[in-house]
Amino acid sequence: MKPITEFAYGGIVFNREGKVLMRSPSGYWGGYVWTFAKGGADPADRSPEETALREVLEETGHECVVIAPIPGEFQSDTCMTKYFLMKPTMRIIQHDHETQEVRWVAPDQAFDMIQLTRTEKGRTRDRNALQRAIETKALYEPYFEN
């Protein structure tokens, strides 16, 4: 089996109420029913954080700010993903064609939604990333209060 060397960068976004932003890829691409915004770097991206912010804006319509990197790298069927803990700004635009729906949900509900993904690697990646995001968010709680 060929090692995965390609990286994607994404964001796990929490609002002031502690809800997490989930997206449903159009046509359940790759077997994902609900997941987090992520994608590969564009030539114009200057950093992994910039890639993650762009992907979150494109795929969810929510402009965000990075609070902190989420420790770890999370493997799926196609790449390794590095996530950043984010919070939304007030700016919201229409998400792109890659997303059919976005939804703010409680973390417990997000874990249930992740279980709908059809690939074990995808479910495992998203469960582990969400758990690590929750742990990281606990260290940065004051950043989410305003």
N, C-alpha and C. Protein backbone atom coordinates (compact mmCIF):
# COMPACT_ATOMS: atom_id res chain seq x y z
N MET A 1 0.84 -1.18 0.00
CA MET A 1 0.00 0.00 0.00
C MET A 1 0.88 1.24 0.00
N LYS A 2 0.58 2.16 -0.89
CA LYS A 2 1.35 3.38 -1.03
C LYS A 2 1.12 4.32 0.16
N PRO A 3 2.18 4.89 0.74
CA PRO A 3 1.98 5.82 1.86
C PRO A 3 1.30 7.11 1.38
N ILE A 4 0.49 7.66 2.25
CA ILE A 4 -0.22 8.91 1.92
C ILE A 4 0.69 10.07 2.28
N THR A 5 1.00 10.90 1.27
CA THR A 5 1.87 12.04 1.50
C THR A 5 1.17 13.37 1.26
N GLU A 6 0.02 13.36 0.62
CA GLU A 6 -0.69 14.60 0.34
C GLU A 6 -1.42 15.07 1.60
N PHE A 7 -1.40 16.39 1.81
CA PHE A 7 -2.07 16.97 2.96
C PHE A 7 -3.26 17.80 2.53
N ALA A 8 -4.28 17.76 3.36
CA ALA A 8 -5.40 18.69 3.27
C ALA A 8 -5.40 19.49 4.57
N TYR A 9 -6.00 20.66 4.53
CA TYR A 9 -6.07 21.53 5.70
C TYR A 9 -7.51 21.96 5.85
N GLY A 10 -7.98 21.96 7.09
CA GLY A 10 -9.37 22.31 7.32
C GLY A 10 -9.60 22.94 8.67
N GLY A 11 -10.85 23.25 8.92
CA GLY A 11 -11.21 23.87 10.17
C GLY A 11 -12.36 23.16 10.85
N ILE A 12 -12.28 23.09 12.17
CA ILE A 12 -13.39 22.65 12.98
C ILE A 12 -13.83 23.89 13.74
N VAL A 13 -15.05 24.34 13.43
CA VAL A 13 -15.54 25.65 13.84
C VAL A 13 -16.57 25.49 14.96
N PHE A 14 -16.35 26.24 16.04
CA PHE A 14 -17.30 26.30 17.15
C PHE A 14 -17.80 27.73 17.30
N ASN A 15 -19.10 27.87 17.61
CA ASN A 15 -19.63 29.20 17.87
C ASN A 15 -19.68 29.46 19.39
N ARG A 16 -20.18 30.63 19.78
CA ARG A 16 -20.22 31.00 21.20
C ARG A 16 -21.09 30.06 22.02
N GLU A 17 -22.09 29.46 21.40
CA GLU A 17 -22.97 28.54 22.11
C GLU A 17 -22.37 27.15 22.25
N GLY A 18 -21.17 26.94 21.70
CA GLY A 18 -20.52 25.64 21.80
C GLY A 18 -20.93 24.66 20.73
N LYS A 19 -21.69 25.12 19.74
CA LYS A 19 -22.09 24.25 18.64
C LYS A 19 -20.98 24.19 17.60
N VAL A 20 -20.92 23.07 16.90
CA VAL A 20 -19.90 22.83 15.87
C VAL A 20 -20.55 22.90 14.50
N LEU A 21 -19.81 23.43 13.52
CA LEU A 21 -20.32 23.59 12.16
C LEU A 21 -20.01 22.34 11.35
N MET A 22 -21.06 21.70 10.85
CA MET A 22 -20.93 20.51 10.01
C MET A 22 -21.36 20.84 8.59
N ARG A 23 -20.76 20.14 7.62
CA ARG A 23 -21.16 20.31 6.23
C ARG A 23 -21.47 18.96 5.62
N SER A 24 -22.43 18.96 4.71
CA SER A 24 -22.78 17.76 3.97
C SER A 24 -22.30 17.94 2.53
N PRO A 25 -21.30 17.15 2.10
CA PRO A 25 -20.79 17.29 0.74
C PRO A 25 -21.86 16.95 -0.30
N SER A 26 -21.86 17.69 -1.39
CA SER A 26 -22.82 17.46 -2.47
C SER A 26 -22.71 16.02 -2.96
N GLY A 27 -23.85 15.37 -3.05
CA GLY A 27 -23.89 13.98 -3.51
C GLY A 27 -23.19 13.02 -2.58
N TYR A 28 -22.97 13.45 -1.33
CA TYR A 28 -22.24 12.63 -0.34
C TYR A 28 -20.91 12.16 -0.90
N TRP A 29 -20.19 13.09 -1.50
CA TRP A 29 -18.91 12.81 -2.14
C TRP A 29 -18.01 12.00 -1.21
N GLY A 30 -17.40 10.96 -1.76
CA GLY A 30 -16.46 10.13 -1.03
C GLY A 30 -17.09 9.31 0.08
N GLY A 31 -18.42 9.26 0.12
CA GLY A 31 -19.10 8.51 1.17
C GLY A 31 -19.37 9.32 2.42
N TYR A 32 -19.03 10.61 2.38
CA TYR A 32 -19.23 11.47 3.55
C TYR A 32 -20.64 12.04 3.54
N VAL A 33 -21.38 11.81 4.61
CA VAL A 33 -22.72 12.38 4.75
C VAL A 33 -22.60 13.71 5.49
N TRP A 34 -21.83 13.74 6.58
CA TRP A 34 -21.52 14.96 7.33
C TRP A 34 -20.05 14.94 7.69
N THR A 35 -19.37 16.06 7.51
CA THR A 35 -17.95 16.15 7.77
C THR A 35 -17.57 17.60 8.04
N PHE A 36 -16.28 17.88 8.02
CA PHE A 36 -15.76 19.23 8.23
C PHE A 36 -15.15 19.75 6.94
N ALA A 37 -15.12 21.06 6.79
CA ALA A 37 -14.52 21.68 5.60
C ALA A 37 -13.02 21.45 5.61
N LYS A 38 -12.50 21.07 4.44
CA LYS A 38 -11.07 20.82 4.29
C LYS A 38 -10.74 20.73 2.82
N GLY A 39 -9.47 20.87 2.49
CA GLY A 39 -9.06 20.73 1.10
C GLY A 39 -7.58 21.00 0.94
N GLY A 40 -7.12 20.81 -0.30
CA GLY A 40 -5.71 21.01 -0.60
C GLY A 40 -5.38 22.47 -0.80
N ALA A 41 -4.08 22.75 -0.73
CA ALA A 41 -3.60 24.12 -0.90
C ALA A 41 -3.72 24.56 -2.35
N ASP A 42 -4.06 25.81 -2.54
CA ASP A 42 -4.00 26.47 -3.84
C ASP A 42 -2.65 27.16 -3.95
N PRO A 43 -2.17 27.41 -5.17
CA PRO A 43 -0.88 28.08 -5.31
C PRO A 43 -0.81 29.44 -4.60
N ALA A 44 -1.93 30.12 -4.48
CA ALA A 44 -1.95 31.44 -3.85
C ALA A 44 -1.93 31.37 -2.32
N ASP A 45 -2.21 30.20 -1.76
CA ASP A 45 -2.23 30.07 -0.29
C ASP A 45 -0.80 30.18 0.24
N ARG A 46 -0.64 31.01 1.27
CA ARG A 46 0.70 31.25 1.82
C ARG A 46 1.02 30.38 3.03
N SER A 47 0.01 29.67 3.56
CA SER A 47 0.24 28.86 4.75
C SER A 47 -0.88 27.83 4.89
N PRO A 48 -0.67 26.80 5.69
CA PRO A 48 -1.75 25.85 5.96
C PRO A 48 -2.98 26.54 6.58
N GLU A 49 -2.76 27.53 7.45
CA GLU A 49 -3.88 28.27 8.05
C GLU A 49 -4.70 28.98 6.99
N GLU A 50 -4.02 29.58 6.02
CA GLU A 50 -4.73 30.28 4.94
C GLU A 50 -5.53 29.31 4.10
N THR A 51 -4.97 28.14 3.83
CA THR A 51 -5.72 27.11 3.09
C THR A 51 -6.96 26.71 3.87
N ALA A 52 -6.80 26.45 5.17
CA ALA A 52 -7.94 26.03 6.00
C ALA A 52 -9.02 27.10 6.04
N LEU A 53 -8.64 28.35 6.22
CA LEU A 53 -9.63 29.44 6.26
C LEU A 53 -10.37 29.56 4.93
N ARG A 54 -9.65 29.45 3.82
CA ARG A 54 -10.27 29.53 2.50
C ARG A 54 -11.24 28.37 2.29
N GLU A 55 -10.82 27.17 2.65
CA GLU A 55 -11.68 26.00 2.48
C GLU A 55 -12.96 26.12 3.32
N VAL A 56 -12.83 26.58 4.56
CA VAL A 56 -14.01 26.75 5.41
C VAL A 56 -14.95 27.78 4.80
N LEU A 57 -14.42 28.89 4.32
CA LEU A 57 -15.27 29.92 3.70
C LEU A 57 -15.95 29.36 2.45
N GLU A 58 -15.19 28.71 1.58
CA GLU A 58 -15.77 28.19 0.34
C GLU A 58 -16.83 27.12 0.61
N GLU A 59 -16.53 26.19 1.51
CA GLU A 59 -17.40 25.02 1.68
C GLU A 59 -18.53 25.21 2.68
N THR A 60 -18.44 26.24 3.54
CA THR A 60 -19.52 26.48 4.50
C THR A 60 -20.15 27.85 4.37
N GLY A 61 -19.43 28.78 3.74
CA GLY A 61 -19.91 30.15 3.64
C GLY A 61 -19.60 31.00 4.86
N HIS A 62 -18.94 30.43 5.85
CA HIS A 62 -18.62 31.15 7.08
C HIS A 62 -17.17 31.61 7.09
N GLU A 63 -17.00 32.94 7.20
CA GLU A 63 -15.66 33.47 7.41
C GLU A 63 -15.29 33.21 8.86
N CYS A 64 -14.05 32.79 9.09
CA CYS A 64 -13.62 32.42 10.44
C CYS A 64 -12.25 33.00 10.75
N VAL A 65 -11.88 32.87 12.01
CA VAL A 65 -10.52 33.16 12.45
C VAL A 65 -9.98 31.91 13.11
N VAL A 66 -8.67 31.71 12.95
CA VAL A 66 -8.01 30.56 13.57
C VAL A 66 -7.72 30.90 15.02
N ILE A 67 -8.10 29.99 15.91
CA ILE A 67 -7.79 30.12 17.33
C ILE A 67 -6.50 29.38 17.65
N ALA A 68 -6.36 28.15 17.14
CA ALA A 68 -5.17 27.34 17.43
C ALA A 68 -5.14 26.14 16.49
N PRO A 69 -3.94 25.59 16.26
CA PRO A 69 -3.89 24.31 15.54
C PRO A 69 -4.44 23.20 16.43
N ILE A 70 -5.10 22.24 15.81
CA ILE A 70 -5.57 21.06 16.53
C ILE A 70 -4.45 20.02 16.43
N PRO A 71 -3.93 19.56 17.56
CA PRO A 71 -2.80 18.63 17.51
C PRO A 71 -3.14 17.34 16.75
N GLY A 72 -2.19 16.89 15.97
CA GLY A 72 -2.34 15.62 15.27
C GLY A 72 -2.55 15.78 13.78
N GLU A 73 -2.40 14.66 13.10
CA GLU A 73 -2.70 14.54 11.68
C GLU A 73 -3.69 13.40 11.56
N PHE A 74 -4.70 13.58 10.71
CA PHE A 74 -5.82 12.66 10.66
C PHE A 74 -5.94 12.07 9.26
N GLN A 75 -5.81 10.74 9.18
CA GLN A 75 -5.77 10.06 7.89
C GLN A 75 -7.16 9.66 7.42
N SER A 76 -7.39 9.91 6.11
CA SER A 76 -8.60 9.41 5.47
C SER A 76 -8.17 8.43 4.38
N ASP A 77 -9.07 8.14 3.46
CA ASP A 77 -8.74 7.24 2.37
C ASP A 77 -7.81 7.88 1.35
N THR A 78 -7.78 9.22 1.29
CA THR A 78 -7.05 9.90 0.22
C THR A 78 -5.89 10.76 0.68
N CYS A 79 -5.87 11.20 1.94
CA CYS A 79 -4.82 12.12 2.37
C CYS A 79 -4.73 12.18 3.89
N MET A 80 -3.76 12.95 4.35
CA MET A 80 -3.65 13.30 5.76
C MET A 80 -4.22 14.71 5.91
N THR A 81 -4.99 14.93 6.97
CA THR A 81 -5.60 16.24 7.17
C THR A 81 -5.09 16.84 8.47
N LYS A 82 -4.74 18.11 8.40
CA LYS A 82 -4.40 18.90 9.57
C LYS A 82 -5.52 19.92 9.75
N TYR A 83 -6.05 19.98 10.97
CA TYR A 83 -7.17 20.87 11.26
C TYR A 83 -6.74 22.02 12.17
N PHE A 84 -7.52 23.09 12.08
CA PHE A 84 -7.35 24.24 12.95
C PHE A 84 -8.66 24.50 13.67
N LEU A 85 -8.57 24.83 14.94
CA LEU A 85 -9.72 25.24 15.73
C LEU A 85 -10.07 26.66 15.31
N MET A 86 -11.35 26.89 14.99
CA MET A 86 -11.78 28.19 14.47
C MET A 86 -13.04 28.66 15.16
N LYS A 87 -13.26 29.97 15.06
CA LYS A 87 -14.54 30.54 15.44
C LYS A 87 -15.00 31.45 14.31
N PRO A 88 -16.32 31.59 14.14
CA PRO A 88 -16.83 32.39 13.02
C PRO A 88 -16.77 33.88 13.32
N THR A 89 -16.62 34.65 12.24
CA THR A 89 -16.84 36.09 12.33
C THR A 89 -18.32 36.30 11.99
N MET A 90 -18.71 37.51 11.80
CA MET A 90 -20.12 37.78 11.46
C MET A 90 -20.39 37.63 9.97
N ARG A 91 -19.35 37.50 9.14
CA ARG A 91 -19.52 37.45 7.69
C ARG A 91 -19.91 36.04 7.24
N ILE A 92 -21.02 35.96 6.51
CA ILE A 92 -21.49 34.70 5.94
C ILE A 92 -21.83 34.95 4.47
N ILE A 93 -21.36 34.06 3.60
CA ILE A 93 -21.68 34.13 2.17
C ILE A 93 -22.29 32.78 1.76
N GLN A 94 -22.69 32.68 0.52
CA GLN A 94 -23.22 31.42 0.01
C GLN A 94 -22.08 30.41 -0.13
N HIS A 95 -22.26 29.21 0.40
CA HIS A 95 -21.24 28.17 0.22
C HIS A 95 -21.20 27.72 -1.23
N ASP A 96 -20.09 27.08 -1.62
CA ASP A 96 -19.91 26.67 -3.00
C ASP A 96 -20.69 25.40 -3.34
N HIS A 97 -20.54 24.96 -4.57
CA HIS A 97 -21.27 23.80 -5.09
C HIS A 97 -20.83 22.47 -4.47
N GLU A 98 -19.69 22.46 -3.77
CA GLU A 98 -19.21 21.22 -3.16
C GLU A 98 -20.00 20.83 -1.91
N THR A 99 -20.85 21.73 -1.43
CA THR A 99 -21.61 21.50 -0.20
C THR A 99 -23.08 21.61 -0.50
N GLN A 100 -23.86 20.64 0.02
CA GLN A 100 -25.31 20.71 -0.17
C GLN A 100 -26.03 21.28 1.04
N GLU A 101 -25.38 21.23 2.23
CA GLU A 101 -26.03 21.76 3.43
C GLU A 101 -24.97 22.01 4.50
N VAL A 102 -25.18 23.04 5.31
CA VAL A 102 -24.37 23.28 6.51
C VAL A 102 -25.32 23.37 7.69
N ARG A 103 -24.80 22.97 8.85
CA ARG A 103 -25.66 22.95 10.03
C ARG A 103 -24.81 23.11 11.29
N TRP A 104 -25.29 23.96 12.22
CA TRP A 104 -24.69 24.08 13.55
C TRP A 104 -25.35 23.06 14.46
N VAL A 105 -24.55 22.23 15.14
CA VAL A 105 -25.10 21.19 16.00
C VAL A 105 -24.27 21.07 17.27
N ALA A 106 -24.87 20.49 18.30
CA ALA A 106 -24.15 20.19 19.53
C ALA A 106 -23.09 19.12 19.22
N PRO A 107 -21.97 19.13 19.92
CA PRO A 107 -20.93 18.13 19.66
C PRO A 107 -21.43 16.68 19.71
N ASP A 108 -22.31 16.34 20.65
CA ASP A 108 -22.84 14.97 20.71
C ASP A 108 -23.58 14.61 19.43
N GLN A 109 -24.34 15.56 18.90
CA GLN A 109 -25.05 15.32 17.65
C GLN A 109 -24.07 15.19 16.50
N ALA A 110 -22.98 15.97 16.52
CA ALA A 110 -21.96 15.88 15.46
C ALA A 110 -21.36 14.48 15.42
N PHE A 111 -21.06 13.90 16.60
CA PHE A 111 -20.54 12.53 16.63
C PHE A 111 -21.53 11.57 15.98
N ASP A 112 -22.82 11.73 16.26
CA ASP A 112 -23.84 10.87 15.65
C ASP A 112 -23.88 11.05 14.13
N MET A 113 -23.77 12.30 13.67
CA MET A 113 -23.81 12.59 12.23
C MET A 113 -22.60 11.99 11.52
N ILE A 114 -21.45 12.04 12.16
CA ILE A 114 -20.23 11.46 11.58
C ILE A 114 -20.40 9.97 11.34
N GLN A 115 -21.16 9.30 12.20
CA GLN A 115 -21.37 7.85 12.05
C GLN A 115 -22.08 7.49 10.75
N LEU A 116 -22.70 8.45 10.09
CA LEU A 116 -23.40 8.20 8.82
C LEU A 116 -22.44 8.05 7.65
N THR A 117 -21.19 8.49 7.81
CA THR A 117 -20.20 8.37 6.75
C THR A 117 -19.99 6.90 6.41
N ARG A 118 -19.83 6.63 5.13
CA ARG A 118 -19.81 5.24 4.66
C ARG A 118 -18.45 4.55 4.75
N THR A 119 -17.36 5.29 4.94
CA THR A 119 -16.06 4.65 5.03
C THR A 119 -15.56 4.69 6.47
N GLU A 120 -14.97 3.57 6.91
CA GLU A 120 -14.47 3.49 8.28
C GLU A 120 -13.36 4.51 8.52
N LYS A 121 -12.44 4.67 7.55
CA LYS A 121 -11.37 5.64 7.73
C LYS A 121 -11.93 7.05 7.86
N GLY A 122 -12.96 7.37 7.08
CA GLY A 122 -13.57 8.69 7.17
C GLY A 122 -14.24 8.93 8.52
N ARG A 123 -14.98 7.92 8.98
CA ARG A 123 -15.61 8.04 10.31
C ARG A 123 -14.57 8.20 11.41
N THR A 124 -13.54 7.38 11.33
CA THR A 124 -12.49 7.43 12.36
C THR A 124 -11.78 8.77 12.34
N ARG A 125 -11.43 9.24 11.14
CA ARG A 125 -10.75 10.54 11.04
C ARG A 125 -11.59 11.63 11.67
N ASP A 126 -12.85 11.71 11.30
CA ASP A 126 -13.70 12.81 11.78
C ASP A 126 -14.01 12.69 13.27
N ARG A 127 -14.22 11.48 13.77
CA ARG A 127 -14.44 11.29 15.22
C ARG A 127 -13.21 11.73 16.01
N ASN A 128 -12.04 11.27 15.57
CA ASN A 128 -10.80 11.61 16.27
C ASN A 128 -10.51 13.10 16.20
N ALA A 129 -10.73 13.69 15.04
CA ALA A 129 -10.49 15.13 14.89
C ALA A 129 -11.44 15.93 15.76
N LEU A 130 -12.71 15.55 15.81
CA LEU A 130 -13.67 16.27 16.64
C LEU A 130 -13.32 16.13 18.12
N GLN A 131 -12.93 14.93 18.54
CA GLN A 131 -12.55 14.74 19.94
C GLN A 131 -11.36 15.62 20.30
N ARG A 132 -10.36 15.66 19.43
CA ARG A 132 -9.18 16.47 19.67
C ARG A 132 -9.54 17.95 19.63
N ALA A 133 -10.48 18.35 18.77
CA ALA A 133 -10.92 19.75 18.71
C ALA A 133 -11.60 20.15 20.01
N ILE A 134 -12.42 19.27 20.55
CA ILE A 134 -13.11 19.56 21.82
C ILE A 134 -12.08 19.74 22.94
N GLU A 135 -11.08 18.87 22.96
CA GLU A 135 -10.03 18.98 23.98
C GLU A 135 -9.24 20.28 23.81
N THR A 136 -8.94 20.64 22.59
CA THR A 136 -8.20 21.87 22.32
C THR A 136 -9.04 23.09 22.67
N LYS A 137 -10.32 23.05 22.33
CA LYS A 137 -11.22 24.17 22.62
C LYS A 137 -11.27 24.45 24.12
N ALA A 138 -11.21 23.41 24.94
CA ALA A 138 -11.26 23.59 26.39
C ALA A 138 -10.09 24.45 26.88
N LEU A 139 -8.97 24.42 26.17
CA LEU A 139 -7.81 25.22 26.54
C LEU A 139 -7.95 26.68 26.11
N TYR A 140 -8.86 26.95 25.18
CA TYR A 140 -9.01 28.28 24.61
C TYR A 140 -10.41 28.85 24.82
N GLU A 141 -11.11 28.38 25.82
CA GLU A 141 -12.52 28.77 26.05
C GLU A 141 -12.74 30.29 26.05
N PRO A 142 -11.85 31.09 26.68
CA PRO A 142 -12.11 32.54 26.67
C PRO A 142 -12.21 33.15 25.27
N TYR A 143 -11.56 32.55 24.28
CA TYR A 143 -11.63 33.07 22.92
C TYR A 143 -13.01 32.92 22.29
N PHE A 144 -13.83 32.07 22.85
CA PHE A 144 -15.16 31.82 22.29
C PHE A 144 -16.26 32.59 23.01
N GLU A 145 -15.90 33.35 24.04
CA GLU A 145 -16.90 34.04 24.84
C GLU A 145 -17.36 35.36 24.24
N ASN A 146 -16.63 35.89 23.28
CA ASN A 146 -17.08 37.15 22.67
C ASN A 146 -17.01 37.09 21.18
